[in-house]
Amino acid sequence: MCAHHGCVVGAGLAGDSWRVCLQAYLSVCMCTLCGMESETRGYQVGVHYSAMDQSSNQYVKQYGAMHLEMMPRNAILIVKGDVITNSIRYLQVRSLPT
């Protein structure tokens, strides 16, 4: 996990996006050592934003939907784990009437 940028290095990123994320992360870590963290972080976000943008990523939503589609109506689903629990909870909250 890229701690500063919130993306998973090497998993699920298209093309060379994981390399850009890793380079940005290493650059921020190096500048933290010399005290230039805030300036470098802003620069890295501006330069590499399009490569690291995951706003259209639908993997977790699709993962939750896949599990719910297999269940009969009004079934009780018991799951264990953050990703599966939160993906299904997200879909349930989105389906509530506003």
N, C-alpha and C. Protein backbone atom coordinates (compact mmCIF):
# COMPACT_ATOMS: atom_id res chain seq x y z
N MET A 1 0.84 -1.18 0.00
CA MET A 1 0.00 0.00 0.00
C MET A 1 0.88 1.23 0.00
N CYS A 2 0.60 2.14 -0.86
CA CYS A 2 1.33 3.41 -0.92
C CYS A 2 0.71 4.33 0.14
N ALA A 3 1.40 4.49 1.25
CA ALA A 3 0.83 5.18 2.40
C ALA A 3 0.49 6.64 2.14
N HIS A 4 1.27 7.32 1.35
CA HIS A 4 1.04 8.74 1.12
C HIS A 4 -0.01 9.01 0.07
N HIS A 5 -0.22 8.08 -0.85
CA HIS A 5 -1.10 8.36 -1.98
C HIS A 5 -2.32 7.44 -2.02
N GLY A 6 -2.39 6.44 -1.15
CA GLY A 6 -3.59 5.64 -1.03
C GLY A 6 -3.86 4.70 -2.19
N CYS A 7 -2.84 4.28 -2.92
CA CYS A 7 -3.09 3.32 -3.99
C CYS A 7 -2.30 2.05 -3.72
N VAL A 8 -2.75 0.96 -4.28
CA VAL A 8 -2.07 -0.31 -4.08
C VAL A 8 -1.01 -0.45 -5.15
N VAL A 9 0.23 -0.58 -4.76
CA VAL A 9 1.34 -0.65 -5.70
C VAL A 9 1.34 -2.02 -6.36
N GLY A 10 1.19 -2.03 -7.69
CA GLY A 10 1.29 -3.26 -8.47
C GLY A 10 0.02 -4.07 -8.57
N ALA A 11 -1.04 -3.74 -7.86
CA ALA A 11 -2.25 -4.56 -7.90
C ALA A 11 -3.43 -3.71 -8.36
N GLY A 12 -3.95 -4.00 -9.53
CA GLY A 12 -5.15 -3.34 -9.99
C GLY A 12 -4.92 -2.01 -10.69
N LEU A 13 -3.69 -1.56 -10.83
CA LEU A 13 -3.44 -0.31 -11.52
C LEU A 13 -3.09 -0.61 -12.97
N ALA A 14 -3.69 0.11 -13.88
CA ALA A 14 -3.51 -0.14 -15.29
C ALA A 14 -2.14 0.34 -15.77
N GLY A 15 -1.57 -0.40 -16.71
CA GLY A 15 -0.33 0.01 -17.35
C GLY A 15 0.81 0.23 -16.39
N ASP A 16 1.46 1.37 -16.53
CA ASP A 16 2.60 1.72 -15.69
C ASP A 16 2.20 2.58 -14.50
N SER A 17 0.93 2.65 -14.16
CA SER A 17 0.49 3.50 -13.06
C SER A 17 1.15 3.12 -11.75
N TRP A 18 1.36 1.83 -11.54
CA TRP A 18 1.99 1.38 -10.29
C TRP A 18 3.41 1.91 -10.18
N ARG A 19 4.10 2.02 -11.32
CA ARG A 19 5.47 2.56 -11.29
C ARG A 19 5.47 4.03 -10.91
N VAL A 20 4.53 4.78 -11.47
CA VAL A 20 4.43 6.20 -11.16
C VAL A 20 4.13 6.39 -9.68
N CYS A 21 3.23 5.56 -9.16
CA CYS A 21 2.88 5.66 -7.75
C CYS A 21 4.08 5.32 -6.87
N LEU A 22 4.81 4.29 -7.23
CA LEU A 22 5.98 3.90 -6.46
C LEU A 22 7.05 4.99 -6.50
N GLN A 23 7.27 5.59 -7.68
CA GLN A 23 8.25 6.67 -7.79
C GLN A 23 7.84 7.86 -6.94
N ALA A 24 6.56 8.20 -6.96
CA ALA A 24 6.08 9.33 -6.15
C ALA A 24 6.25 9.04 -4.68
N TYR A 25 5.94 7.81 -4.27
CA TYR A 25 6.07 7.43 -2.86
C TYR A 25 7.52 7.50 -2.41
N LEU A 26 8.43 6.95 -3.21
CA LEU A 26 9.85 6.98 -2.85
C LEU A 26 10.39 8.41 -2.81
N SER A 27 9.92 9.24 -3.73
CA SER A 27 10.35 10.63 -3.76
C SER A 27 9.91 11.36 -2.49
N VAL A 28 8.67 11.12 -2.06
CA VAL A 28 8.17 11.75 -0.83
C VAL A 28 8.95 11.25 0.37
N CYS A 29 9.25 9.95 0.42
CA CYS A 29 10.01 9.41 1.54
C CYS A 29 11.40 10.02 1.62
N MET A 30 12.05 10.19 0.49
CA MET A 30 13.39 10.77 0.47
C MET A 30 13.35 12.23 0.93
N CYS A 31 12.34 12.97 0.48
CA CYS A 31 12.27 14.38 0.86
C CYS A 31 11.86 14.55 2.31
N THR A 32 11.18 13.58 2.88
CA THR A 32 10.84 13.64 4.30
C THR A 32 12.12 13.62 5.13
N LEU A 33 13.10 12.85 4.67
CA LEU A 33 14.36 12.77 5.39
C LEU A 33 15.09 14.11 5.41
N CYS A 34 14.95 14.89 4.33
CA CYS A 34 15.66 16.17 4.28
C CYS A 34 14.77 17.36 4.63
N GLY A 35 13.53 17.11 5.07
CA GLY A 35 12.67 18.18 5.55
C GLY A 35 11.88 18.94 4.51
N MET A 36 11.74 18.43 3.30
CA MET A 36 11.01 19.13 2.25
C MET A 36 9.70 18.40 1.93
N GLU A 37 9.10 17.76 2.91
CA GLU A 37 7.94 16.90 2.67
C GLU A 37 6.75 17.64 2.07
N SER A 38 6.32 18.73 2.64
CA SER A 38 5.07 19.38 2.20
C SER A 38 5.20 19.93 0.78
N GLU A 39 6.33 20.53 0.43
CA GLU A 39 6.50 21.05 -0.92
C GLU A 39 6.52 19.93 -1.94
N THR A 40 7.21 18.86 -1.62
CA THR A 40 7.34 17.74 -2.56
C THR A 40 6.02 17.02 -2.73
N ARG A 41 5.28 16.84 -1.65
CA ARG A 41 4.00 16.13 -1.74
C ARG A 41 3.05 16.89 -2.67
N GLY A 42 2.96 18.19 -2.53
CA GLY A 42 2.10 18.98 -3.40
C GLY A 42 2.53 18.89 -4.85
N TYR A 43 3.83 18.91 -5.08
CA TYR A 43 4.36 18.79 -6.44
C TYR A 43 4.01 17.43 -7.02
N GLN A 44 4.22 16.36 -6.25
CA GLN A 44 3.97 15.01 -6.73
C GLN A 44 2.49 14.80 -7.07
N VAL A 45 1.62 15.30 -6.23
CA VAL A 45 0.18 15.17 -6.49
C VAL A 45 -0.18 15.88 -7.78
N GLY A 46 0.33 17.08 -7.98
CA GLY A 46 0.02 17.83 -9.19
C GLY A 46 0.54 17.17 -10.45
N VAL A 47 1.75 16.66 -10.40
CA VAL A 47 2.38 16.08 -11.58
C VAL A 47 1.80 14.71 -11.93
N HIS A 48 1.51 13.89 -10.91
CA HIS A 48 1.12 12.50 -11.16
C HIS A 48 -0.35 12.21 -10.88
N TYR A 49 -1.17 13.24 -10.70
CA TYR A 49 -2.57 13.01 -10.33
C TYR A 49 -3.30 12.13 -11.33
N SER A 50 -3.17 12.40 -12.61
CA SER A 50 -3.93 11.63 -13.60
C SER A 50 -3.53 10.16 -13.62
N ALA A 51 -2.26 9.87 -13.35
CA ALA A 51 -1.82 8.47 -13.33
C ALA A 51 -2.30 7.74 -12.08
N MET A 52 -2.50 8.47 -10.99
CA MET A 52 -2.91 7.84 -9.72
C MET A 52 -4.39 7.98 -9.43
N ASP A 53 -5.14 8.67 -10.28
CA ASP A 53 -6.56 8.91 -10.05
C ASP A 53 -7.34 7.60 -10.12
N GLN A 54 -7.98 7.23 -9.04
CA GLN A 54 -8.77 5.99 -8.98
C GLN A 54 -10.26 6.30 -8.80
N SER A 55 -10.69 7.51 -9.14
CA SER A 55 -12.07 7.90 -8.91
C SER A 55 -13.07 7.09 -9.73
N SER A 56 -12.64 6.52 -10.83
CA SER A 56 -13.56 5.71 -11.64
C SER A 56 -13.39 4.21 -11.36
N ASN A 57 -12.59 3.86 -10.39
CA ASN A 57 -12.37 2.47 -10.02
C ASN A 57 -13.64 1.89 -9.40
N GLN A 58 -14.15 0.81 -9.96
CA GLN A 58 -15.41 0.20 -9.51
C GLN A 58 -15.20 -1.22 -8.98
N TYR A 59 -13.95 -1.61 -8.70
CA TYR A 59 -13.66 -2.99 -8.32
C TYR A 59 -14.39 -3.43 -7.05
N VAL A 60 -14.38 -2.62 -6.02
CA VAL A 60 -15.01 -3.01 -4.76
C VAL A 60 -16.53 -3.07 -4.91
N LYS A 61 -17.10 -2.12 -5.63
CA LYS A 61 -18.54 -2.14 -5.88
C LYS A 61 -18.95 -3.39 -6.65
N GLN A 62 -18.20 -3.75 -7.67
CA GLN A 62 -18.49 -4.94 -8.46
C GLN A 62 -18.32 -6.21 -7.63
N TYR A 63 -17.34 -6.22 -6.75
CA TYR A 63 -17.10 -7.37 -5.88
C TYR A 63 -18.29 -7.60 -4.95
N GLY A 64 -18.80 -6.54 -4.34
CA GLY A 64 -19.97 -6.66 -3.48
C GLY A 64 -21.21 -7.06 -4.25
N ALA A 65 -21.40 -6.46 -5.43
CA ALA A 65 -22.57 -6.77 -6.26
C ALA A 65 -22.55 -8.23 -6.71
N MET A 66 -21.37 -8.76 -7.00
CA MET A 66 -21.25 -10.16 -7.42
C MET A 66 -21.78 -11.08 -6.33
N HIS A 67 -21.46 -10.79 -5.08
CA HIS A 67 -21.93 -11.63 -3.98
C HIS A 67 -23.43 -11.49 -3.77
N LEU A 68 -23.94 -10.27 -3.87
CA LEU A 68 -25.37 -10.06 -3.65
C LEU A 68 -26.23 -10.65 -4.76
N GLU A 69 -25.73 -10.63 -5.99
CA GLU A 69 -26.49 -11.17 -7.12
C GLU A 69 -26.72 -12.67 -6.99
N MET A 70 -25.81 -13.37 -6.31
CA MET A 70 -25.93 -14.83 -6.15
C MET A 70 -26.91 -15.21 -5.05
N MET A 71 -27.29 -14.26 -4.22
CA MET A 71 -28.15 -14.55 -3.07
C MET A 71 -29.63 -14.46 -3.46
N PRO A 72 -30.46 -15.37 -2.90
CA PRO A 72 -31.90 -15.23 -3.13
C PRO A 72 -32.45 -14.01 -2.37
N ARG A 73 -33.58 -13.52 -2.79
CA ARG A 73 -34.20 -12.34 -2.16
C ARG A 73 -34.47 -12.62 -0.68
N ASN A 74 -34.19 -11.62 0.17
CA ASN A 74 -34.40 -11.68 1.62
C ASN A 74 -33.53 -12.72 2.32
N ALA A 75 -32.44 -13.12 1.71
CA ALA A 75 -31.52 -14.07 2.34
C ALA A 75 -30.70 -13.36 3.40
N ILE A 76 -30.18 -14.13 4.33
CA ILE A 76 -29.27 -13.61 5.34
C ILE A 76 -27.86 -14.03 4.94
N LEU A 77 -27.00 -13.07 4.79
CA LEU A 77 -25.62 -13.32 4.36
C LEU A 77 -24.69 -13.06 5.53
N ILE A 78 -23.87 -14.04 5.86
CA ILE A 78 -22.89 -13.89 6.94
C ILE A 78 -21.51 -13.92 6.29
N VAL A 79 -20.77 -12.84 6.48
CA VAL A 79 -19.44 -12.72 5.89
C VAL A 79 -18.43 -12.30 6.95
N LYS A 80 -17.18 -12.50 6.65
CA LYS A 80 -16.11 -12.09 7.55
C LYS A 80 -15.01 -11.45 6.70
N GLY A 81 -14.61 -10.27 7.07
CA GLY A 81 -13.54 -9.58 6.36
C GLY A 81 -13.94 -8.17 5.99
N ASP A 82 -12.99 -7.28 5.97
CA ASP A 82 -13.26 -5.87 5.70
C ASP A 82 -13.78 -5.61 4.30
N VAL A 83 -13.12 -6.16 3.29
CA VAL A 83 -13.46 -5.81 1.92
C VAL A 83 -14.86 -6.30 1.57
N ILE A 84 -15.15 -7.55 1.86
CA ILE A 84 -16.47 -8.08 1.51
C ILE A 84 -17.57 -7.41 2.33
N THR A 85 -17.34 -7.22 3.63
CA THR A 85 -18.35 -6.59 4.49
C THR A 85 -18.62 -5.16 4.05
N ASN A 86 -17.58 -4.37 3.85
CA ASN A 86 -17.77 -2.97 3.49
C ASN A 86 -18.30 -2.78 2.09
N SER A 87 -17.95 -3.67 1.15
CA SER A 87 -18.48 -3.53 -0.21
C SER A 87 -19.98 -3.80 -0.23
N ILE A 88 -20.42 -4.79 0.53
CA ILE A 88 -21.85 -5.09 0.59
C ILE A 88 -22.59 -4.01 1.37
N ARG A 89 -22.01 -3.53 2.45
CA ARG A 89 -22.64 -2.45 3.23
C ARG A 89 -22.79 -1.19 2.37
N TYR A 90 -21.79 -0.90 1.57
CA TYR A 90 -21.85 0.26 0.67
C TYR A 90 -23.03 0.13 -0.28
N LEU A 91 -23.22 -1.04 -0.87
CA LEU A 91 -24.32 -1.24 -1.80
C LEU A 91 -25.67 -1.15 -1.10
N GLN A 92 -25.76 -1.63 0.12
CA GLN A 92 -27.01 -1.55 0.87
C GLN A 92 -27.37 -0.09 1.18
N VAL A 93 -26.41 0.68 1.60
CA VAL A 93 -26.65 2.09 1.92
C VAL A 93 -27.06 2.86 0.69
N ARG A 94 -26.43 2.57 -0.44
CA ARG A 94 -26.78 3.27 -1.69
C ARG A 94 -28.19 2.96 -2.14
N SER A 95 -28.71 1.78 -1.78
CA SER A 95 -30.04 1.40 -2.25
C SER A 95 -31.16 1.91 -1.34
N LEU A 96 -30.82 2.52 -0.21
CA LEU A 96 -31.85 3.07 0.68
C LEU A 96 -32.53 4.27 0.04
N PRO A 97 -33.85 4.41 0.25
CA PRO A 97 -34.53 5.59 -0.30
C PRO A 97 -34.07 6.86 0.41
N THR A 98 -33.98 7.93 -0.33
CA THR A 98 -33.52 9.20 0.26
C THR A 98 -34.67 10.08 0.66
